[in-house]
Amino acid sequence: MIRIAHIADIPVLERIRLSVKENVLSNPNLVTRADYTRFLTVDGKGWVDEQDHIITGFAVIDTTHHNIWALFVDPGFEQQGIGKQLQNTMLHWHFTHSNEMLWLTTAKDSRAAEFYRRTGWREVGETTNGKELRFEMYQEDWLRHG
């Protein structure tokens, strides 16, 4: 079941974020508890997937910069459609409230990059450091794929 993420969920969100096998943070201190709090309360909105009272994944949108701040699934729950459900919930919410284009970056040659391609994101190039790909989602793309 997907629900709105709450401040009380942050320790689990941090655990999931740090347990992923791809898009691993080079420095875990770069994403702080204050960042989670800010994106869940002021500068964004978040959702979690919860099964039998266990949070299995989460998605957070940065509403200020119109980007996907996080979309992660606990490695023990991958390949069950949780990421797609979270993404669909997030994109539906965004494009119901805004027609602004969304963007994200993810590691090259990752399963996440392939996921975004399959789900209608436009691959528009590499980041300046050449380590990640940039993807964009427009309302018309979402309406076509969502």
C-alpha atoms as a PDB file:
ATOM      1  CA  MET A   1       0.000   0.000   0.000  1.00  0.00           C
ATOM      2  CA  ILE A   2       1.340   3.397  -0.918  1.00  0.00           C
ATOM      3  CA  ARG A   3       0.898   6.229   1.554  1.00  0.00           C
ATOM      4  CA  ILE A   4       2.311   9.679   2.254  1.00  0.00           C
ATOM      5  CA  ALA A   5       5.735   9.568   3.916  1.00  0.00           C
ATOM      6  CA  HIS A   6       6.007  10.976   7.442  1.00  0.00           C
ATOM      7  CA  ILE A   7       8.871  12.355   9.520  1.00  0.00           C
ATOM      8  CA  ALA A   8       8.710   9.200  11.650  1.00  0.00           C
ATOM      9  CA  ASP A   9       9.596   7.164   8.530  1.00  0.00           C
ATOM     10  CA  ILE A  10      12.965   8.887   8.030  1.00  0.00           C
ATOM     11  CA  PRO A  11      15.144   6.289   9.834  1.00  0.00           C
ATOM     12  CA  VAL A  12      13.752   3.562   7.562  1.00  0.00           C
ATOM     13  CA  LEU A  13      14.138   5.758   4.457  1.00  0.00           C
ATOM     14  CA  GLU A  14      17.780   6.352   5.404  1.00  0.00           C
ATOM     15  CA  ARG A  15      18.339   2.622   5.876  1.00  0.00           C
ATOM     16  CA  ILE A  16      16.832   1.832   2.478  1.00  0.00           C
ATOM     17  CA  ARG A  17      18.831   4.618   0.788  1.00  0.00           C
ATOM     18  CA  LEU A  18      22.052   3.282   2.262  1.00  0.00           C
ATOM     19  CA  SER A  19      21.273  -0.374   1.439  1.00  0.00           C
ATOM     20  CA  VAL A  20      20.843  -0.051  -2.325  1.00  0.00           C
ATOM     21  CA  LYS A  21      23.284  -1.796  -4.650  1.00  0.00           C
ATOM     22  CA  GLU A  22      23.263   0.876  -7.389  1.00  0.00           C
ATOM     23  CA  ASN A  23      23.406   4.658  -7.171  1.00  0.00           C
ATOM     24  CA  VAL A  24      25.268   4.264  -3.901  1.00  0.00           C
ATOM     25  CA  LEU A  25      26.161   7.515  -2.172  1.00  0.00           C
ATOM     26  CA  SER A  26      29.900   8.093  -2.389  1.00  0.00           C
ATOM     27  CA  ASN A  27      29.628   9.907   0.937  1.00  0.00           C
ATOM     28  CA  PRO A  28      26.599   9.000   3.067  1.00  0.00           C
ATOM     29  CA  ASN A  29      26.978  12.280   4.961  1.00  0.00           C
ATOM     30  CA  LEU A  30      25.961  14.187   1.812  1.00  0.00           C
ATOM     31  CA  VAL A  31      22.289  13.376   2.493  1.00  0.00           C
ATOM     32  CA  THR A  32      21.311  14.364   6.019  1.00  0.00           C
ATOM     33  CA  ARG A  33      18.264  13.790   8.169  1.00  0.00           C
ATOM     34  CA  ALA A  34      17.587  17.512   7.757  1.00  0.00           C
ATOM     35  CA  ASP A  35      17.416  16.966   3.976  1.00  0.00           C
ATOM     36  CA  TYR A  36      14.784  14.267   4.414  1.00  0.00           C
ATOM     37  CA  THR A  37      12.825  16.491   6.786  1.00  0.00           C
ATOM     38  CA  ARG A  38      12.960  19.455   4.417  1.00  0.00           C
ATOM     39  CA  PHE A  39      11.808  17.437   1.403  1.00  0.00           C
ATOM     40  CA  LEU A  40       8.987  15.776   3.335  1.00  0.00           C
ATOM     41  CA  THR A  41       7.674  18.989   4.901  1.00  0.00           C
ATOM     42  CA  VAL A  42       8.659  22.164   3.038  1.00  0.00           C
ATOM     43  CA  ASP A  43      10.342  21.679  -0.331  1.00  0.00           C
ATOM     44  CA  GLY A  44       8.774  18.446  -1.494  1.00  0.00           C
ATOM     45  CA  LYS A  45       6.451  15.543  -0.979  1.00  0.00           C
ATOM     46  CA  GLY A  46       7.158  11.888  -0.339  1.00  0.00           C
ATOM     47  CA  TRP A  47       5.487   8.510  -0.459  1.00  0.00           C
ATOM     48  CA  VAL A  48       6.323   5.078   0.899  1.00  0.00           C
ATOM     49  CA  ASP A  49       5.223   1.605  -0.049  1.00  0.00           C
ATOM     50  CA  GLU A  50       4.301  -0.349   3.038  1.00  0.00           C
ATOM     51  CA  GLN A  51       3.580  -4.073   3.153  1.00  0.00           C
ATOM     52  CA  ASP A  52       2.588  -5.748   6.423  1.00  0.00           C
ATOM     53  CA  HIS A  53       3.814  -2.666   8.332  1.00  0.00           C
ATOM     54  CA  ILE A  54       7.220  -2.815   6.587  1.00  0.00           C
ATOM     55  CA  ILE A  55       8.348   0.091   4.410  1.00  0.00           C
ATOM     56  CA  THR A  56       9.645  -1.480   1.200  1.00  0.00           C
ATOM     57  CA  GLY A  57      10.481   1.632  -0.823  1.00  0.00           C
ATOM     58  CA  PHE A  58      10.058   5.365  -1.062  1.00  0.00           C
ATOM     59  CA  ALA A  59       9.864   8.240  -3.512  1.00  0.00           C
ATOM     60  CA  VAL A  60      10.407  11.951  -2.881  1.00  0.00           C
ATOM     61  CA  ILE A  61       9.885  14.857  -5.244  1.00  0.00           C
ATOM     62  CA  ASP A  62      11.628  18.222  -4.859  1.00  0.00           C
ATOM     63  CA  THR A  63       8.802  20.636  -5.643  1.00  0.00           C
ATOM     64  CA  THR A  64      11.099  23.675  -5.629  1.00  0.00           C
ATOM     65  CA  HIS A  65      13.482  22.454  -8.328  1.00  0.00           C
ATOM     66  CA  HIS A  66      11.028  20.071 -10.028  1.00  0.00           C
ATOM     67  CA  ASN A  67      13.199  17.030  -9.721  1.00  0.00           C
ATOM     68  CA  ILE A  68      12.986  13.529  -8.355  1.00  0.00           C
ATOM     69  CA  TRP A  69      15.029  13.646  -5.187  1.00  0.00           C
ATOM     70  CA  ALA A  70      14.701   9.950  -4.416  1.00  0.00           C
ATOM     71  CA  LEU A  71      13.149   6.735  -5.714  1.00  0.00           C
ATOM     72  CA  PHE A  72      14.520   3.688  -3.938  1.00  0.00           C
ATOM     73  CA  VAL A  73      13.324   0.169  -3.190  1.00  0.00           C
ATOM     74  CA  ASP A  74      14.701  -2.029  -0.431  1.00  0.00           C
ATOM     75  CA  PRO A  75      16.924  -4.633  -2.164  1.00  0.00           C
ATOM     76  CA  GLY A  76      14.896  -7.420  -0.546  1.00  0.00           C
ATOM     77  CA  PHE A  77      11.765  -6.204  -2.341  1.00  0.00           C
ATOM     78  CA  GLU A  78      13.122  -5.444  -5.823  1.00  0.00           C
ATOM     79  CA  GLN A  79      11.487  -6.744  -9.010  1.00  0.00           C
ATOM     80  CA  GLN A  80       7.968  -6.604  -7.533  1.00  0.00           C
ATOM     81  CA  GLY A  81       6.750  -3.437  -9.251  1.00  0.00           C
ATOM     82  CA  ILE A  82       7.146  -1.266  -6.147  1.00  0.00           C
ATOM     83  CA  GLY A  83       9.360   1.312  -7.866  1.00  0.00           C
ATOM     84  CA  LYS A  84       6.895   1.672 -10.716  1.00  0.00           C
ATOM     85  CA  GLN A  85       3.955   2.085  -8.331  1.00  0.00           C
ATOM     86  CA  LEU A  86       5.825   4.713  -6.345  1.00  0.00           C
ATOM     87  CA  GLN A  87       6.856   6.521  -9.505  1.00  0.00           C
ATOM     88  CA  ASN A  88       3.286   6.446 -10.853  1.00  0.00           C
ATOM     89  CA  THR A  89       1.934   7.871  -7.590  1.00  0.00           C
ATOM     90  CA  MET A  90       4.543  10.622  -7.543  1.00  0.00           C
ATOM     91  CA  LEU A  91       4.105  11.578 -11.202  1.00  0.00           C
ATOM     92  CA  HIS A  92       0.322  11.501 -10.965  1.00  0.00           C
ATOM     93  CA  TRP A  93       0.467  13.850  -7.976  1.00  0.00           C
ATOM     94  CA  HIS A  94       2.954  16.180  -9.668  1.00  0.00           C
ATOM     95  CA  PHE A  95       1.170  16.475 -12.988  1.00  0.00           C
ATOM     96  CA  THR A  96      -2.186  16.915 -11.256  1.00  0.00           C
ATOM     97  CA  HIS A  97      -0.750  19.949  -9.453  1.00  0.00           C
ATOM     98  CA  SER A  98       1.710  21.285 -12.049  1.00  0.00           C
ATOM     99  CA  ASN A  99       2.598  21.123 -15.709  1.00  0.00           C
ATOM    100  CA  GLU A 100       6.292  21.773 -14.984  1.00  0.00           C
ATOM    101  CA  MET A 101       8.767  19.342 -16.514  1.00  0.00           C
ATOM    102  CA  LEU A 102      10.471  17.031 -13.997  1.00  0.00           C
ATOM    103  CA  TRP A 103      14.075  15.886 -14.171  1.00  0.00           C
ATOM    104  CA  LEU A 104      16.390  13.429 -12.462  1.00  0.00           C
ATOM    105  CA  THR A 105      19.862  12.015 -12.753  1.00  0.00           C
ATOM    106  CA  THR A 106      21.004   8.453 -12.277  1.00  0.00           C
ATOM    107  CA  ALA A 107      24.104   6.360 -12.798  1.00  0.00           C
ATOM    108  CA  LYS A 108      24.989   5.350 -16.339  1.00  0.00           C
ATOM    109  CA  ASP A 109      24.522   1.677 -17.217  1.00  0.00           C
ATOM    110  CA  SER A 110      22.316   1.131 -14.173  1.00  0.00           C
ATOM    111  CA  ARG A 111      19.058  -0.743 -13.849  1.00  0.00           C
ATOM    112  CA  ALA A 112      17.553   2.585 -12.804  1.00  0.00           C
ATOM    113  CA  ALA A 113      18.524   4.181 -16.136  1.00  0.00           C
ATOM    114  CA  GLU A 114      16.827   1.343 -18.003  1.00  0.00           C
ATOM    115  CA  PHE A 115      13.768   1.648 -15.740  1.00  0.00           C
ATOM    116  CA  TYR A 116      13.432   5.343 -16.581  1.00  0.00           C
ATOM    117  CA  ARG A 117      13.787   4.675 -20.298  1.00  0.00           C
ATOM    118  CA  ARG A 118      11.078   1.984 -20.146  1.00  0.00           C
ATOM    119  CA  THR A 119       8.697   4.202 -18.216  1.00  0.00           C
ATOM    120  CA  GLY A 120       8.729   7.123 -20.627  1.00  0.00           C
ATOM    121  CA  TRP A 121      11.481   9.428 -19.393  1.00  0.00           C
ATOM    122  CA  ARG A 122      13.484  11.246 -22.077  1.00  0.00           C
ATOM    123  CA  GLU A 123      17.220  10.681 -21.812  1.00  0.00           C
ATOM    124  CA  VAL A 124      18.666  14.109 -22.592  1.00  0.00           C
ATOM    125  CA  GLY A 125      22.379  13.686 -21.948  1.00  0.00           C
ATOM    126  CA  GLU A 126      25.075  13.279 -19.355  1.00  0.00           C
ATOM    127  CA  THR A 127      25.757  15.376 -16.302  1.00  0.00           C
ATOM    128  CA  THR A 128      28.783  17.669 -16.481  1.00  0.00           C
ATOM    129  CA  ASN A 129      30.969  15.143 -14.661  1.00  0.00           C
ATOM    130  CA  GLY A 130      29.980  12.451 -17.176  1.00  0.00           C
ATOM    131  CA  LYS A 131      29.116   9.948 -14.450  1.00  0.00           C
ATOM    132  CA  GLU A 132      25.337  10.204 -14.615  1.00  0.00           C
ATOM    133  CA  LEU A 133      22.573  10.519 -17.161  1.00  0.00           C
ATOM    134  CA  ARG A 134      19.924  13.217 -17.058  1.00  0.00           C
ATOM    135  CA  PHE A 135      16.302  12.304 -17.760  1.00  0.00           C
ATOM    136  CA  GLU A 136      13.273  14.548 -18.186  1.00  0.00           C
ATOM    137  CA  MET A 137       9.548  13.880 -17.959  1.00  0.00           C
ATOM    138  CA  TYR A 138       6.989  16.187 -19.517  1.00  0.00           C
ATOM    139  CA  GLN A 139       3.284  16.174 -18.789  1.00  0.00           C
ATOM    140  CA  GLU A 140       2.474  14.929 -22.304  1.00  0.00           C
ATOM    141  CA  ASP A 141       4.926  12.024 -21.848  1.00  0.00           C
ATOM    142  CA  TRP A 142       3.313  11.139 -18.543  1.00  0.00           C
ATOM    143  CA  LEU A 143      -0.167  11.228 -20.061  1.00  0.00           C
ATOM    144  CA  ARG A 144       1.040   8.900 -22.819  1.00  0.00           C
ATOM    145  CA  HIS A 145       2.862   6.446 -20.507  1.00  0.00           C
ATOM    146  CA  GLY A 146       1.163   6.931 -17.137  1.00  0.00           C
END
